[in-house]
Amino acid sequence: MNEEENTTPEFNIKETSRNGLVGLANLGNTCYMNAALQCMLHTRDLTHYFRQLKYIDEINENNPIGSKGKLVKSYAKFI
């Protein structure tokens, strides 16, 4: 099997990669946040949505009780 056949085409993740199994550094009180982020990252459709930059047109920076798009932009940068 060559290198191209050994990858997931949608995300180009090698089958031999750890696929997120290394986790995130825990700062002592962030374990629940880390668990939530890991779940979100492994939700294929959501990750695809962000990696394809489809979220950009849907950011609502004018919502007076929102984060002005900072949260969604940070998550996209994280991915």
N, C-alpha and C. Protein backbone atom coordinates (compact mmCIF):
# COMPACT_ATOMS: atom_id res chain seq x y z
N MET A 1 0.85 -1.18 0.00
CA MET A 1 0.00 0.00 0.00
C MET A 1 0.90 1.24 0.00
N ASN A 2 0.66 2.16 -0.92
CA ASN A 2 1.50 3.35 -0.94
C ASN A 2 0.97 4.41 0.02
N GLU A 3 1.72 5.51 0.17
CA GLU A 3 1.39 6.57 1.12
C GLU A 3 0.01 7.17 0.86
N GLU A 4 -0.34 7.36 -0.43
CA GLU A 4 -1.62 7.97 -0.76
C GLU A 4 -2.80 7.08 -0.36
N GLU A 5 -2.67 5.78 -0.55
CA GLU A 5 -3.74 4.86 -0.22
C GLU A 5 -3.90 4.69 1.29
N ASN A 6 -2.89 5.08 2.04
CA ASN A 6 -2.89 4.88 3.48
C ASN A 6 -3.35 6.12 4.24
N THR A 7 -4.10 6.99 3.59
CA THR A 7 -4.58 8.20 4.24
C THR A 7 -6.09 8.29 4.11
N THR A 8 -6.69 9.06 5.01
CA THR A 8 -8.10 9.36 4.92
C THR A 8 -8.22 10.55 3.98
N PRO A 9 -8.86 10.42 2.81
CA PRO A 9 -8.84 11.49 1.80
C PRO A 9 -9.43 12.82 2.27
N GLU A 10 -10.45 12.78 3.09
CA GLU A 10 -11.13 14.00 3.49
C GLU A 10 -10.24 14.92 4.33
N PHE A 11 -9.44 14.34 5.21
CA PHE A 11 -8.61 15.14 6.10
C PHE A 11 -7.13 14.89 5.91
N ASN A 12 -6.78 13.92 5.06
CA ASN A 12 -5.40 13.57 4.81
C ASN A 12 -4.67 13.20 6.11
N ILE A 13 -5.32 12.40 6.92
CA ILE A 13 -4.74 11.92 8.17
C ILE A 13 -4.19 10.53 7.92
N LYS A 14 -2.93 10.31 8.22
CA LYS A 14 -2.35 8.99 8.04
C LYS A 14 -3.01 8.00 8.99
N GLU A 15 -3.26 6.79 8.50
CA GLU A 15 -3.87 5.77 9.34
C GLU A 15 -2.96 5.43 10.51
N THR A 16 -1.68 5.64 10.35
CA THR A 16 -0.73 5.32 11.42
C THR A 16 -0.59 6.47 12.42
N SER A 17 -1.29 7.59 12.18
CA SER A 17 -1.21 8.70 13.12
C SER A 17 -1.91 8.32 14.41
N ARG A 18 -1.72 9.13 15.43
CA ARG A 18 -2.33 8.82 16.73
C ARG A 18 -3.78 9.26 16.77
N ASN A 19 -4.26 9.95 15.74
CA ASN A 19 -5.67 10.34 15.62
C ASN A 19 -6.21 11.03 16.86
N GLY A 20 -5.45 11.93 17.43
CA GLY A 20 -5.93 12.68 18.57
C GLY A 20 -5.76 12.00 19.90
N LEU A 21 -5.11 10.87 19.94
CA LEU A 21 -4.99 10.11 21.17
C LEU A 21 -4.00 10.71 22.16
N VAL A 22 -3.28 11.72 21.77
CA VAL A 22 -2.33 12.33 22.70
C VAL A 22 -3.00 13.30 23.64
N GLY A 23 -4.13 13.83 23.28
CA GLY A 23 -4.88 14.74 24.15
C GLY A 23 -4.28 16.13 24.22
N LEU A 24 -4.80 16.91 25.15
CA LEU A 24 -4.36 18.29 25.35
C LEU A 24 -3.78 18.41 26.75
N ALA A 25 -2.92 19.38 26.94
CA ALA A 25 -2.33 19.60 28.26
C ALA A 25 -3.41 20.07 29.23
N ASN A 26 -3.45 19.49 30.41
CA ASN A 26 -4.43 19.85 31.42
C ASN A 26 -3.80 20.83 32.40
N LEU A 27 -4.44 21.96 32.58
CA LEU A 27 -3.92 22.98 33.48
C LEU A 27 -4.47 22.84 34.89
N GLY A 28 -5.08 21.73 35.20
CA GLY A 28 -5.60 21.49 36.53
C GLY A 28 -7.11 21.66 36.62
N ASN A 29 -7.65 22.61 35.93
CA ASN A 29 -9.09 22.82 35.97
C ASN A 29 -9.69 22.85 34.56
N THR A 30 -8.98 22.29 33.59
CA THR A 30 -9.44 22.35 32.21
C THR A 30 -9.79 20.98 31.63
N CYS A 31 -9.89 19.95 32.47
CA CYS A 31 -10.13 18.61 31.94
C CYS A 31 -11.48 18.50 31.22
N TYR A 32 -12.52 19.16 31.73
CA TYR A 32 -13.83 19.10 31.06
C TYR A 32 -13.79 19.84 29.74
N MET A 33 -13.10 20.99 29.70
CA MET A 33 -12.96 21.72 28.45
C MET A 33 -12.18 20.88 27.44
N ASN A 34 -11.10 20.24 27.88
CA ASN A 34 -10.31 19.40 26.99
C ASN A 34 -11.13 18.25 26.44
N ALA A 35 -11.95 17.64 27.28
CA ALA A 35 -12.80 16.54 26.84
C ALA A 35 -13.80 17.02 25.79
N ALA A 36 -14.39 18.18 26.02
CA ALA A 36 -15.35 18.73 25.06
C ALA A 36 -14.67 19.05 23.73
N LEU A 37 -13.48 19.64 23.80
CA LEU A 37 -12.74 19.96 22.57
C LEU A 37 -12.37 18.70 21.80
N GLN A 38 -11.96 17.66 22.51
CA GLN A 38 -11.64 16.40 21.84
C GLN A 38 -12.87 15.83 21.13
N CYS A 39 -14.03 15.90 21.78
CA CYS A 39 -15.26 15.42 21.15
C CYS A 39 -15.59 16.23 19.91
N MET A 40 -15.46 17.54 20.02
CA MET A 40 -15.75 18.41 18.87
C MET A 40 -14.78 18.13 17.72
N LEU A 41 -13.50 17.98 18.03
CA LEU A 41 -12.50 17.73 17.00
C LEU A 41 -12.74 16.41 16.29
N HIS A 42 -13.30 15.43 16.99
CA HIS A 42 -13.53 14.13 16.38
C HIS A 42 -14.94 13.98 15.81
N THR A 43 -15.67 15.09 15.73
CA THR A 43 -16.95 15.12 15.02
C THR A 43 -16.62 15.51 13.59
N ARG A 44 -16.53 14.51 12.75
CA ARG A 44 -16.01 14.67 11.38
C ARG A 44 -16.70 15.80 10.61
N ASP A 45 -18.03 15.87 10.65
CA ASP A 45 -18.74 16.89 9.88
C ASP A 45 -18.42 18.30 10.38
N LEU A 46 -18.33 18.47 11.69
CA LEU A 46 -18.01 19.77 12.25
C LEU A 46 -16.59 20.20 11.87
N THR A 47 -15.64 19.29 11.99
CA THR A 47 -14.26 19.60 11.63
C THR A 47 -14.15 19.91 10.14
N HIS A 48 -14.85 19.16 9.33
CA HIS A 48 -14.87 19.41 7.88
C HIS A 48 -15.43 20.81 7.59
N TYR A 49 -16.50 21.17 8.26
CA TYR A 49 -17.13 22.49 8.11
C TYR A 49 -16.12 23.61 8.39
N PHE A 50 -15.34 23.47 9.43
CA PHE A 50 -14.35 24.49 9.77
C PHE A 50 -13.15 24.46 8.83
N ARG A 51 -12.69 23.28 8.48
CA ARG A 51 -11.51 23.19 7.61
C ARG A 51 -11.81 23.68 6.20
N GLN A 52 -13.06 23.61 5.79
CA GLN A 52 -13.45 24.11 4.47
C GLN A 52 -13.80 25.60 4.51
N LEU A 53 -13.65 26.24 5.67
CA LEU A 53 -13.90 27.67 5.90
C LEU A 53 -15.36 28.06 5.65
N LYS A 54 -16.28 27.13 5.77
CA LYS A 54 -17.70 27.41 5.55
C LYS A 54 -18.30 28.24 6.68
N TYR A 55 -17.66 28.26 7.83
CA TYR A 55 -18.16 28.98 9.00
C TYR A 55 -18.06 30.50 8.84
N ILE A 56 -17.16 30.97 8.00
CA ILE A 56 -16.85 32.40 7.90
C ILE A 56 -18.07 33.25 7.58
N ASP A 57 -18.89 32.82 6.64
CA ASP A 57 -20.06 33.60 6.24
C ASP A 57 -21.17 33.60 7.29
N GLU A 58 -21.05 32.75 8.29
CA GLU A 58 -22.11 32.63 9.29
C GLU A 58 -21.75 33.26 10.63
N ILE A 59 -20.60 33.91 10.71
CA ILE A 59 -20.20 34.55 11.97
C ILE A 59 -21.07 35.79 12.18
N ASN A 60 -21.67 35.89 13.35
CA ASN A 60 -22.50 37.05 13.69
C ASN A 60 -21.72 37.94 14.67
N GLU A 61 -21.04 38.92 14.13
CA GLU A 61 -20.24 39.83 14.95
C GLU A 61 -21.07 40.94 15.58
N ASN A 62 -22.36 41.02 15.22
CA ASN A 62 -23.21 42.11 15.70
C ASN A 62 -24.13 41.73 16.85
N ASN A 63 -24.09 40.50 17.29
CA ASN A 63 -24.95 40.05 18.38
C ASN A 63 -24.49 40.72 19.68
N PRO A 64 -25.34 41.52 20.31
CA PRO A 64 -24.91 42.25 21.52
C PRO A 64 -24.56 41.36 22.70
N ILE A 65 -25.07 40.14 22.74
CA ILE A 65 -24.73 39.24 23.85
C ILE A 65 -23.75 38.15 23.42
N GLY A 66 -23.26 38.23 22.20
CA GLY A 66 -22.32 37.23 21.70
C GLY A 66 -20.88 37.62 21.95
N SER A 67 -19.97 36.85 21.40
CA SER A 67 -18.54 37.10 21.60
C SER A 67 -17.94 37.87 20.43
N LYS A 68 -18.78 38.42 19.57
CA LYS A 68 -18.34 39.18 18.39
C LYS A 68 -17.52 38.30 17.44
N GLY A 69 -17.78 37.01 17.47
CA GLY A 69 -17.09 36.07 16.59
C GLY A 69 -15.76 35.58 17.11
N LYS A 70 -15.35 36.04 18.28
CA LYS A 70 -14.03 35.66 18.82
C LYS A 70 -13.95 34.17 19.13
N LEU A 71 -15.03 33.62 19.69
CA LEU A 71 -15.02 32.21 20.07
C LEU A 71 -14.88 31.31 18.85
N VAL A 72 -15.69 31.54 17.83
CA VAL A 72 -15.66 30.69 16.64
C VAL A 72 -14.34 30.87 15.88
N LYS A 73 -13.81 32.07 15.86
CA LYS A 73 -12.51 32.30 15.21
C LYS A 73 -11.39 31.60 15.96
N SER A 74 -11.46 31.59 17.27
CA SER A 74 -10.45 30.90 18.08
C SER A 74 -10.51 29.39 17.86
N TYR A 75 -11.73 28.86 17.79
CA TYR A 75 -11.88 27.42 17.56
C TYR A 75 -11.33 27.05 16.17
N ALA A 76 -11.63 27.89 15.18
CA ALA A 76 -11.13 27.63 13.83
C ALA A 76 -9.61 27.66 13.80
N LYS A 77 -9.03 28.59 14.52
CA LYS A 77 -7.57 28.68 14.59
C LYS A 77 -6.99 27.46 15.30
N PHE A 78 -7.68 26.99 16.33
CA PHE A 78 -7.28 25.81 17.08
C PHE A 78 -7.21 24.58 16.18
N ILE A 79 -8.22 24.45 15.32
CA ILE A 79 -8.26 23.30 14.40
C ILE A 79 -7.10 23.38 13.44
